[in-house]
Amino acid sequence: MKAKFNVNISRVLPLAVALFMLSTVVASIIQPKSASAAQLTSRKLTLSSSANGNVSTDLAGNTVAKGSGGNGAFARHTFDFTIPGAASTVQSIEFEYCSNSPIFSDSCTAPTGMDASTVASIAGQSGLTGFALGTGGNAPTANRIRIDRTNATNVSSNTTVQFYFGTGAGTDWIKNPTTDNSTFFVKIKVYTGTGYSGSRDFGAVASSTAQQIDITAKVREKLNFSVGSTYVAPGGTCTAFSDTGALALGDVNGVLDSATQYDNFSWFRVSTNSVNGAKVYYSGDTLKDGANDINALTSEGTTAAGSEQFGLALDSGEAGYSFTHLTANSNYDEGNGSLGTAKFNYATGSVTTPVEIASSTGIVGCDTGSVRYVGNIATNTPAGVYTTTVTYIAVPTF
């Protein structure tokens, strides 16, 4: 005899439906809310300097400009990334600096010595705009920067954005981590809501400080100075004069006559890397023959035949004269023109106290000075062989 079971379908079916609905509710409760979050793409952090945050001066101790490659104490940080996915709102973003890990589920250890708390504004923003720094509990800290906006406009799909911090004003910069060759990470979190709620997208970037390469190169003080009585062109190497320096005043035989004025030339050439300038002096006596001498010009003036006169001046009209950096002394700068018009001067006291004839205020590339000499005699000037030695001295100031 078979047993019979009578099942009341009308009673079982409502119970099954209820169980199914309960399981659906439970499943919806335990389903992750961030399933729609995606990785930010094309993300990078560009540092204005990879120097550690204790570096703000060069090897010589001079302060390096803020925001430049050699200043890690005042650095600019620029973030670029693309927000993927469909259009939606982006209301707040967080940048968190960590030394230990870029993984979002890991704890964050602030990089040693880093300080972003001095950031006072968003220096630049593009792709998304209208953001301002968080305030109160969301204000910048040593290793976190938060920004938000009230503008509810959608961000387009795959929008590329840029934010940078470090305006160039005052202390509105980021201080890099203070350890050389140290990797650090920045976790970037994008939220759909204000108050850093509604996680939308995320991503991390890696960066590093770097030991600076300190290069030292020595440049020696330099002075190239030459004097000659035969002109040679400077060429491309600032060719030095190399003749004997012998010079005659007079006719073809080197004889002076009271009816005629006589002149002749010598040259000096200077090249120096003296940043504070250089001076050129002359030193020497007038023309003499034993106890006899030819009167020196005691002040700048013109000359005439028949009078004892000896002097010198710079002649800017003579071949080879080239003052690019030097300037002629005002008492010796009118040697140009015909004899009788040109002006000469001479200080016999230069024997013991050299007299300045030209000077510069800075480096002299390659300047050539043309020195013009005049020698005249009177009818009663004693016969003899009159000579003198004029010495030129270059004094650069380094």
Protein backbone atom coordinates (compact mmCIF):
# COMPACT_ATOMS: atom_id res chain seq x y z
CA MET A 1 0.00 0.00 0.00
CA LYS A 2 1.54 3.27 -1.11
CA ALA A 3 1.61 6.27 1.14
CA LYS A 4 0.04 9.36 -0.22
CA PHE A 5 1.35 12.86 0.31
CA ASN A 6 -0.86 15.79 -0.27
CA VAL A 7 1.02 19.04 -0.79
CA ASN A 8 -0.82 22.26 -0.56
CA ILE A 9 0.77 24.30 -3.34
CA SER A 10 -1.06 27.36 -2.28
CA ARG A 11 0.80 27.30 1.05
CA VAL A 12 4.37 26.48 -0.25
CA LEU A 13 4.54 28.99 -3.09
CA PRO A 14 4.21 32.16 -0.97
CA LEU A 15 6.96 30.89 1.32
CA ALA A 16 9.39 30.31 -1.62
CA VAL A 17 8.69 33.73 -3.00
CA ALA A 18 9.36 35.31 0.36
CA LEU A 19 12.71 33.47 0.70
CA PHE A 20 13.75 34.59 -2.78
CA MET A 21 12.93 38.21 -2.05
CA LEU A 22 14.87 38.07 1.25
CA SER A 23 17.97 36.69 -0.46
CA THR A 24 17.79 39.44 -3.07
CA VAL A 25 17.65 42.13 -0.38
CA VAL A 26 20.62 40.62 1.48
CA ALA A 27 22.62 40.42 -1.73
CA SER A 28 21.96 44.06 -2.47
CA ILE A 29 23.10 45.04 1.02
CA ILE A 30 26.46 43.25 0.84
CA GLN A 31 27.24 44.33 -2.79
CA PRO A 32 30.16 46.88 -2.81
CA LYS A 33 29.03 50.46 -3.35
CA SER A 34 32.27 51.37 -5.26
CA ALA A 35 31.73 48.90 -8.06
CA SER A 36 31.57 51.80 -10.54
CA ALA A 37 34.92 53.35 -9.44
CA ALA A 38 37.70 53.19 -12.05
CA GLN A 39 41.41 53.89 -12.26
CA LEU A 40 42.49 57.36 -13.30
CA THR A 41 44.57 57.09 -16.48
CA SER A 42 47.56 59.00 -17.90
CA ARG A 43 48.37 60.17 -14.39
CA LYS A 44 51.64 61.81 -13.44
CA LEU A 45 53.23 64.16 -10.92
CA THR A 46 55.80 66.67 -12.15
CA LEU A 47 58.09 68.28 -9.58
CA SER A 48 59.73 71.63 -10.24
CA SER A 49 62.71 70.24 -8.31
CA SER A 50 63.72 66.76 -7.20
CA ALA A 51 66.08 68.21 -4.60
CA ASN A 52 65.24 67.28 -1.05
CA GLY A 53 63.29 69.77 1.05
CA ASN A 54 66.35 71.01 2.92
CA VAL A 55 67.97 72.34 -0.27
CA SER A 56 67.43 75.98 -1.19
CA THR A 57 70.98 77.24 -1.86
CA ASP A 58 73.74 76.41 -4.30
CA LEU A 59 77.31 75.32 -3.52
CA ALA A 60 78.38 78.92 -3.02
CA GLY A 61 75.60 79.49 -0.49
CA ASN A 62 73.53 81.68 -2.80
CA THR A 63 69.75 81.31 -2.50
CA VAL A 64 68.27 79.49 -5.49
CA ALA A 65 65.04 80.91 -6.93
CA LYS A 66 61.87 79.36 -5.58
CA GLY A 67 60.26 76.96 -8.03
CA SER A 68 63.56 76.30 -9.82
CA GLY A 69 65.34 73.00 -10.28
CA GLY A 70 67.76 73.51 -7.41
CA ASN A 71 65.24 74.44 -4.72
CA GLY A 72 63.45 71.56 -2.99
CA ALA A 73 62.38 73.68 -0.04
CA PHE A 74 60.03 75.71 -2.26
CA ALA A 75 58.78 73.33 -4.96
CA ARG A 76 55.81 73.30 -7.32
CA HIS A 77 53.88 70.02 -7.74
CA THR A 78 51.81 69.56 -10.91
CA PHE A 79 49.28 66.72 -11.23
CA ASP A 80 47.95 65.56 -14.60
CA PHE A 81 45.43 62.74 -15.04
CA THR A 82 42.43 61.64 -17.07
CA ILE A 83 39.08 60.88 -15.45
CA PRO A 84 37.65 57.83 -17.28
CA GLY A 85 34.14 56.58 -17.80
CA ALA A 86 30.86 58.26 -18.55
CA ALA A 87 30.00 61.84 -17.75
CA SER A 88 29.17 62.54 -14.11
CA THR A 89 29.80 65.11 -11.43
CA VAL A 90 33.17 65.63 -9.73
CA GLN A 91 32.89 67.77 -6.63
CA SER A 92 35.99 67.03 -4.56
CA ILE A 93 39.50 65.57 -4.96
CA GLU A 94 42.12 64.43 -2.46
CA PHE A 95 45.91 64.16 -2.90
CA GLU A 96 47.52 62.10 -0.13
CA TYR A 97 51.32 61.77 0.04
CA CYS A 98 52.68 58.49 1.43
CA SER A 99 56.18 57.09 1.80
CA ASN A 100 55.25 53.45 2.32
CA SER A 101 52.68 52.37 -0.29
CA PRO A 102 50.49 53.46 -3.21
CA ILE A 103 47.86 50.82 -2.37
CA PHE A 104 44.64 52.47 -1.22
CA SER A 105 43.81 49.80 1.35
CA ASP A 106 47.23 50.25 3.02
CA SER A 107 47.84 52.74 5.76
CA CYS A 108 49.70 55.94 4.80
CA THR A 109 52.97 57.07 6.36
CA ALA A 110 53.81 60.72 5.66
CA PRO A 111 57.15 61.22 3.82
CA THR A 112 59.92 62.40 6.15
CA GLY A 113 60.19 66.17 6.36
CA MET A 114 57.61 66.89 3.69
CA ASP A 115 55.28 69.83 4.26
CA ALA A 116 52.29 70.75 2.10
CA SER A 117 50.54 72.65 4.89
CA THR A 118 51.94 75.94 3.54
CA VAL A 119 49.92 75.64 0.32
CA ALA A 120 47.62 78.66 0.33
CA SER A 121 45.85 78.32 -3.01
CA ILE A 122 45.44 76.28 -6.15
CA ALA A 123 48.05 77.82 -8.42
CA GLY A 124 46.47 76.45 -11.58
CA GLN A 125 43.59 74.22 -12.69
CA SER A 126 42.39 73.15 -16.13
CA GLY A 127 40.02 70.54 -17.55
CA LEU A 128 37.98 71.01 -14.38
CA THR A 129 37.72 74.43 -12.80
CA GLY A 130 36.02 76.16 -9.92
CA PHE A 131 37.91 74.29 -7.21
CA ALA A 132 39.27 75.83 -4.02
CA LEU A 133 41.37 74.46 -1.19
CA GLY A 134 39.53 72.63 1.53
CA THR A 135 39.06 74.53 4.76
CA GLY A 136 38.82 73.62 8.44
CA GLY A 137 39.48 69.92 8.86
CA ASN A 138 40.01 69.64 5.10
CA ALA A 139 42.71 72.32 4.91
CA PRO A 140 46.18 71.29 3.65
CA THR A 141 48.26 69.22 6.07
CA ALA A 142 51.87 68.11 5.94
CA ASN A 143 51.02 65.27 3.54
CA ARG A 144 47.50 65.90 2.24
CA ILE A 145 45.81 68.42 -0.02
CA ARG A 146 42.06 68.47 -0.49
CA ILE A 147 40.14 70.59 -2.99
CA ASP A 148 36.41 70.92 -3.63
CA ARG A 149 33.82 72.97 -5.49
CA THR A 150 30.12 73.70 -5.39
CA ASN A 151 29.76 73.76 -9.19
CA ALA A 152 27.61 70.73 -10.05
CA THR A 153 28.28 70.61 -13.79
CA ASN A 154 29.16 67.21 -15.21
CA VAL A 155 32.65 66.20 -16.17
CA SER A 156 32.76 64.85 -19.70
CA SER A 157 33.81 61.29 -20.43
CA ASN A 158 37.62 60.84 -20.34
CA THR A 159 38.35 64.38 -19.25
CA THR A 160 42.05 65.29 -18.86
CA VAL A 161 42.69 67.63 -15.95
CA GLN A 162 45.64 69.42 -14.38
CA PHE A 163 46.13 70.91 -10.94
CA TYR A 164 49.31 72.45 -9.59
CA PHE A 165 50.30 73.81 -6.22
CA GLY A 166 53.04 76.39 -5.63
CA THR A 167 52.13 79.87 -6.84
CA GLY A 168 55.50 81.57 -6.65
CA ALA A 169 54.39 83.96 -3.93
CA GLY A 170 55.71 84.02 -0.38
CA THR A 171 55.56 80.61 1.30
CA ASP A 172 52.81 79.24 -0.97
CA TRP A 173 54.91 76.24 -2.00
CA ILE A 174 55.40 72.57 -1.13
CA LYS A 175 58.45 71.40 0.77
CA ASN A 176 59.73 68.15 -0.71
CA PRO A 177 60.58 65.16 1.49
CA THR A 178 63.94 65.82 3.13
CA THR A 179 65.66 62.51 2.33
CA ASP A 180 67.74 62.15 -0.85
CA ASN A 181 66.89 59.45 -3.42
CA SER A 182 63.65 58.68 -1.59
CA THR A 183 60.56 57.34 -3.38
CA PHE A 184 57.15 58.60 -2.32
CA PHE A 185 53.61 58.10 -3.61
CA VAL A 186 50.51 60.24 -3.96
CA LYS A 187 47.09 58.61 -3.77
CA ILE A 188 44.56 60.57 -5.81
CA LYS A 189 40.88 60.13 -4.94
CA VAL A 190 38.06 61.67 -6.97
CA TYR A 191 34.62 62.09 -5.39
CA THR A 192 31.21 62.82 -6.88
CA GLY A 193 30.02 64.75 -3.85
CA THR A 194 31.19 67.63 -1.74
CA GLY A 195 32.80 66.78 1.58
CA TYR A 196 34.81 64.01 -0.08
CA SER A 197 31.89 61.61 -0.34
CA GLY A 198 30.79 59.34 -3.14
CA SER A 199 34.02 57.77 -4.31
CA ARG A 200 34.19 57.91 -8.08
CA ASP A 201 37.72 57.19 -9.36
CA PHE A 202 41.16 56.70 -7.94
CA GLY A 203 44.80 56.34 -8.91
CA ALA A 204 48.31 56.69 -7.53
CA VAL A 205 51.53 58.22 -8.82
CA ALA A 206 55.10 57.58 -7.78
CA SER A 207 57.82 60.21 -7.54
CA SER A 208 61.19 60.59 -5.87
CA THR A 209 63.66 63.07 -4.53
CA ALA A 210 67.16 62.82 -5.98
CA GLN A 211 70.65 63.56 -4.82
CA GLN A 212 71.92 66.62 -6.67
CA ILE A 213 75.10 66.39 -8.69
CA ASP A 214 77.39 69.15 -7.44
CA ILE A 215 79.76 70.13 -10.23
CA THR A 216 82.77 72.33 -9.61
CA ALA A 217 84.80 73.86 -12.42
CA LYS A 218 87.58 76.36 -11.88
CA VAL A 219 88.25 79.41 -14.04
CA ARG A 220 91.53 81.13 -13.36
CA GLU A 221 91.96 84.87 -13.23
CA LYS A 222 93.23 85.97 -16.62
CA LEU A 223 95.06 88.98 -17.98
CA ASN A 224 96.53 89.22 -21.46
CA PHE A 225 98.37 92.51 -21.87
CA SER A 226 100.88 93.48 -24.52
CA VAL A 227 102.46 96.68 -25.87
CA GLY A 228 104.16 97.25 -29.19
CA SER A 229 105.30 99.86 -31.69
CA THR A 230 104.33 97.82 -34.77
CA TYR A 231 100.62 97.23 -35.22
CA VAL A 232 99.25 93.70 -35.71
CA ALA A 233 95.55 92.83 -35.96
CA PRO A 234 94.05 90.97 -32.99
CA GLY A 235 92.53 88.22 -35.10
CA GLY A 236 90.28 85.70 -33.40
CA THR A 237 92.74 84.95 -30.59
CA CYS A 238 93.50 88.52 -29.43
CA THR A 239 97.04 88.29 -30.81
CA ALA A 240 99.64 89.91 -28.57
CA PHE A 241 102.19 92.46 -29.80
CA SER A 242 105.69 90.98 -29.95
CA ASP A 243 108.07 93.59 -31.42
CA THR A 244 110.93 95.30 -29.59
CA GLY A 245 108.92 98.37 -28.64
CA ALA A 246 111.48 100.73 -30.23
CA LEU A 247 109.97 103.97 -31.52
CA ALA A 248 111.58 107.08 -33.08
CA LEU A 249 110.33 110.68 -33.08
CA GLY A 250 111.59 112.95 -35.88
CA ASP A 251 112.22 112.76 -39.61
CA VAL A 252 113.31 109.63 -41.48
CA ASN A 253 116.59 109.80 -39.57
CA GLY A 254 114.89 110.33 -36.22
CA VAL A 255 115.97 114.00 -36.06
CA LEU A 256 113.75 116.75 -34.60
CA ASP A 257 113.63 120.21 -36.21
CA SER A 258 112.16 123.34 -34.65
CA ALA A 259 110.24 124.17 -37.83
CA THR A 260 108.20 120.96 -37.82
CA GLN A 261 106.01 118.94 -35.47
CA TYR A 262 106.61 115.20 -35.21
CA ASP A 263 104.44 112.31 -34.00
CA ASN A 264 104.50 108.53 -33.85
CA PHE A 265 102.43 105.68 -32.43
CA SER A 266 102.48 102.66 -30.17
CA TRP A 267 99.67 100.28 -29.18
CA PHE A 268 98.55 98.31 -26.15
CA ARG A 269 96.12 95.40 -26.12
CA VAL A 270 94.13 94.12 -23.13
CA SER A 271 92.02 91.05 -22.48
CA THR A 272 90.90 90.10 -18.97
CA ASN A 273 88.08 88.27 -17.18
CA SER A 274 88.15 90.70 -14.26
CA VAL A 275 84.49 91.24 -13.40
CA ASN A 276 85.20 94.48 -11.54
CA GLY A 277 87.06 96.11 -14.39
CA ALA A 278 90.62 96.99 -15.30
CA LYS A 279 92.77 100.12 -15.50
CA VAL A 280 95.68 100.93 -17.78
CA TYR A 281 98.41 103.28 -16.53
CA TYR A 282 101.55 104.81 -18.01
CA SER A 283 104.77 105.60 -16.17
CA GLY A 284 107.85 107.46 -17.42
CA ASP A 285 109.87 110.67 -17.66
CA THR A 286 110.06 113.21 -20.46
CA LEU A 287 112.71 113.04 -23.21
CA LYS A 288 116.18 113.63 -21.71
CA ASP A 289 119.80 113.81 -22.72
CA GLY A 290 121.88 113.94 -19.56
CA ALA A 291 120.95 117.13 -17.74
CA ASN A 292 119.00 118.46 -20.72
CA ASP A 293 115.33 117.65 -21.33
CA ILE A 294 112.38 118.55 -23.54
CA ASN A 295 109.57 120.16 -21.61
CA ALA A 296 106.58 117.95 -20.98
CA LEU A 297 103.05 119.22 -21.50
CA THR A 298 101.69 119.83 -18.00
CA SER A 299 98.03 119.87 -19.02
CA GLU A 300 95.99 118.66 -21.97
CA GLY A 301 96.42 121.06 -24.87
CA THR A 302 97.35 121.60 -28.52
CA THR A 303 100.91 121.77 -29.80
CA ALA A 304 102.90 124.02 -32.15
CA ALA A 305 106.26 123.90 -33.92
CA GLY A 306 109.08 125.92 -32.37
CA SER A 307 108.19 125.09 -28.73
CA GLU A 308 109.63 122.31 -26.59
CA GLN A 309 106.78 119.89 -26.10
CA PHE A 310 106.50 116.20 -25.28
CA GLY A 311 103.19 114.45 -24.64
CA LEU A 312 100.94 111.56 -25.45
CA ALA A 313 97.22 110.90 -25.99
CA LEU A 314 94.88 108.15 -27.17
CA ASP A 315 93.99 108.53 -30.85
CA SER A 316 90.62 106.99 -31.66
CA GLY A 317 91.12 107.70 -35.36
CA GLU A 318 94.29 105.67 -35.76
CA ALA A 319 94.18 102.24 -37.39
CA GLY A 320 93.68 99.47 -34.90
CA TYR A 321 92.09 101.57 -32.15
CA SER A 322 89.27 99.47 -30.73
CA PHE A 323 87.76 100.28 -27.36
CA THR A 324 84.69 98.12 -26.79
CA HIS A 325 84.98 97.86 -23.03
CA LEU A 326 87.70 100.36 -22.13
CA THR A 327 87.10 104.09 -21.91
CA ALA A 328 89.85 106.67 -22.40
CA ASN A 329 90.71 108.96 -19.49
CA SER A 330 89.28 112.42 -20.15
CA ASN A 331 92.77 114.00 -19.92
CA TYR A 332 94.10 111.76 -22.71
CA ASP A 333 91.16 111.24 -25.07
CA GLU A 334 91.68 113.93 -27.74
CA GLY A 335 94.68 112.67 -29.68
CA ASN A 336 92.70 112.43 -32.92
CA GLY A 337 93.18 114.99 -35.71
CA SER A 338 96.04 116.92 -37.25
CA LEU A 339 98.97 118.22 -35.20
CA GLY A 340 97.95 121.62 -33.94
CA THR A 341 94.38 120.40 -33.41
CA ALA A 342 94.94 117.19 -31.46
CA LYS A 343 95.55 117.58 -27.73
CA PHE A 344 98.29 115.93 -25.68
CA ASN A 345 99.28 115.69 -22.04
CA TYR A 346 102.10 114.23 -19.97
CA ALA A 347 102.83 113.89 -16.26
CA THR A 348 106.51 113.42 -15.38
CA GLY A 349 105.34 112.51 -11.89
CA SER A 350 104.17 109.22 -13.42
CA VAL A 351 107.75 107.98 -12.89
CA THR A 352 106.83 107.29 -9.28
CA THR A 353 103.03 107.49 -9.45
CA PRO A 354 101.62 105.87 -12.61
CA VAL A 355 98.85 107.82 -14.32
CA GLU A 356 95.63 106.23 -15.53
CA ILE A 357 95.05 106.49 -19.26
CA ALA A 358 92.08 104.12 -19.76
CA SER A 359 89.72 101.97 -17.69
CA SER A 360 86.77 99.57 -17.83
CA THR A 361 83.98 98.76 -15.39
CA GLY A 362 83.88 95.04 -16.19
CA ILE A 363 85.35 92.24 -18.27
CA VAL A 364 87.46 93.30 -21.24
CA GLY A 365 87.09 91.01 -24.27
CA CYS A 366 89.95 92.28 -26.43
CA ASP A 367 90.54 96.05 -26.63
CA THR A 368 93.36 97.84 -28.45
CA GLY A 369 94.47 101.38 -27.65
CA SER A 370 96.43 103.60 -30.09
CA VAL A 371 98.80 105.91 -28.22
CA ARG A 372 100.04 108.96 -30.14
CA TYR A 373 103.21 110.77 -29.08
CA VAL A 374 104.30 114.30 -30.04
CA GLY A 375 107.89 115.66 -29.89
CA ASN A 376 108.73 119.30 -30.69
CA ILE A 377 111.80 121.44 -29.99
CA ALA A 378 112.67 125.11 -29.85
CA THR A 379 115.47 126.82 -31.78
CA ASN A 380 117.64 126.85 -28.63
CA THR A 381 117.11 123.23 -27.57
CA PRO A 382 120.60 121.77 -26.94
CA ALA A 383 121.78 119.15 -29.40
CA GLY A 384 121.89 115.57 -28.21
CA VAL A 385 120.20 112.19 -28.28
CA TYR A 386 117.09 112.45 -26.16
CA THR A 387 115.45 109.29 -24.89
CA THR A 388 112.85 108.06 -22.43
CA THR A 389 111.13 104.78 -21.58
CA VAL A 390 107.37 104.78 -21.14
CA THR A 391 106.02 101.78 -19.29
CA TYR A 392 102.37 100.70 -19.48
CA ILE A 393 100.74 98.85 -16.63
CA ALA A 394 97.44 96.92 -16.66
CA VAL A 395 95.67 96.45 -13.31
CA PRO A 396 92.58 94.21 -13.35
CA THR A 397 90.29 93.94 -10.33
CA PHE A 398 88.91 90.45 -9.74
